[in-house]
């Protein structure tokens, strides 16, 4: 799982760099459309981060939870995530 953690941290650093860039653009009164392009890039980067974390959760945590007898808890968590993602 260390490589997975490394991937997540790389994505977070990328997002952090973009956010700092957006902050600088705002401070420098850059053109709104250019700022918005960067905010869209951050949104996409966060979506990719979420997908990576969810994939690893489904591959590792969910099977372990089911094996340990926590099926209903796992299902409830997944339903919560689904609802938080705005899919309902």
Protein backbone atom coordinates (compact mmCIF):
# COMPACT_ATOMS: atom_id res chain seq x y z
CA UNK A 1 0.00 0.00 0.00
CA UNK A 2 3.02 2.33 0.29
CA UNK A 3 3.03 2.98 -3.46
CA UNK A 4 -0.65 3.87 -3.27
CA UNK A 5 0.05 6.32 -0.46
CA UNK A 6 2.81 7.83 -2.58
CA UNK A 7 0.40 8.30 -5.50
CA UNK A 8 -2.15 9.98 -3.25
CA UNK A 9 0.48 12.32 -1.79
CA UNK A 10 1.71 13.25 -5.29
CA UNK A 11 -1.82 14.15 -6.32
CA UNK A 12 -2.29 16.21 -3.15
CA UNK A 13 0.93 18.10 -3.83
CA UNK A 14 -0.26 18.77 -7.38
CA UNK A 15 -3.58 20.10 -6.07
CA UNK A 16 -1.81 22.20 -3.44
CA UNK A 17 0.44 23.72 -6.09
CA UNK A 18 -2.55 24.61 -8.23
CA UNK A 19 -4.35 26.19 -5.28
CA UNK A 20 -1.30 28.29 -4.46
CA UNK A 21 -1.15 29.33 -8.10
CA UNK A 22 -4.80 30.37 -8.01
CA UNK A 23 -4.20 32.38 -4.84
CA UNK A 24 -1.31 34.17 -6.54
CA UNK A 25 -3.42 34.83 -9.64
CA UNK A 26 -6.14 36.41 -7.48
CA UNK A 27 -3.58 38.54 -5.63
CA UNK A 28 -2.20 39.71 -8.98
CA UNK A 29 -5.68 40.45 -10.38
CA UNK A 30 -5.29 38.00 -13.27
CA UNK A 31 -8.00 37.60 -15.88
CA UNK A 32 -11.05 35.81 -14.47
CA UNK A 33 -11.23 33.23 -17.25
CA UNK A 34 -7.62 32.22 -16.60
CA UNK A 35 -8.39 31.82 -12.90
CA UNK A 36 -11.45 29.73 -13.70
CA UNK A 37 -9.41 27.46 -15.96
CA UNK A 38 -7.18 26.74 -13.00
CA UNK A 39 -10.11 26.12 -10.66
CA UNK A 40 -11.50 23.62 -13.17
CA UNK A 41 -8.11 21.89 -13.25
CA UNK A 42 -8.18 21.63 -9.45
CA UNK A 43 -11.68 20.18 -9.53
CA UNK A 44 -10.60 17.51 -12.04
CA UNK A 45 -7.51 16.74 -9.97
CA UNK A 46 -9.67 16.28 -6.86
CA UNK A 47 -11.99 13.98 -8.81
CA UNK A 48 -8.99 11.87 -9.84
CA UNK A 49 -7.78 11.80 -6.24
CA UNK A 50 -11.20 10.67 -5.04
CA UNK A 51 -11.33 7.96 -7.70
CA UNK A 52 -7.90 6.67 -6.69
CA UNK A 53 -8.80 6.54 -3.00
CA UNK A 54 -12.17 4.92 -3.69
CA UNK A 55 -10.60 2.31 -5.95
CA UNK A 56 -8.11 1.34 -3.27
CA UNK A 57 -10.88 1.26 -0.67
CA UNK A 58 -12.95 -1.07 -2.85
CA UNK A 59 -9.97 -3.30 -3.56
CA UNK A 60 -8.65 -3.58 -0.02
CA UNK A 61 -10.85 -2.25 2.78
CA UNK A 62 -14.20 -3.53 1.52
CA UNK A 63 -13.11 -7.16 1.11
CA UNK A 64 -11.38 -7.08 4.51
CA UNK A 65 -14.50 -5.63 6.12
CA UNK A 66 -16.72 -8.26 4.55
CA UNK A 67 -14.36 -11.06 5.64
CA UNK A 68 -14.45 -9.73 9.20
CA UNK A 69 -18.26 -9.81 9.27
CA UNK A 70 -18.91 -6.08 8.88
CA UNK A 71 -20.98 -6.34 5.71
CA UNK A 72 -23.75 -3.99 6.80
CA UNK A 73 -21.31 -1.34 8.01
CA UNK A 74 -19.44 -1.51 4.71
CA UNK A 75 -22.68 -1.21 2.74
CA UNK A 76 -23.82 1.75 4.85
CA UNK A 77 -20.49 3.53 4.28
CA UNK A 78 -20.71 3.00 0.53
CA UNK A 79 -24.27 4.32 0.46
CA UNK A 80 -23.13 7.40 2.40
CA UNK A 81 -20.31 7.99 -0.08
CA UNK A 82 -22.67 7.55 -3.00
CA UNK A 83 -25.05 10.11 -1.52
CA UNK A 84 -22.24 12.56 -0.68
CA UNK A 85 -21.02 12.35 -4.26
CA UNK A 86 -24.38 13.77 -5.36
CA UNK A 87 -25.48 10.67 -7.17
CA UNK A 88 -28.84 10.66 -5.51
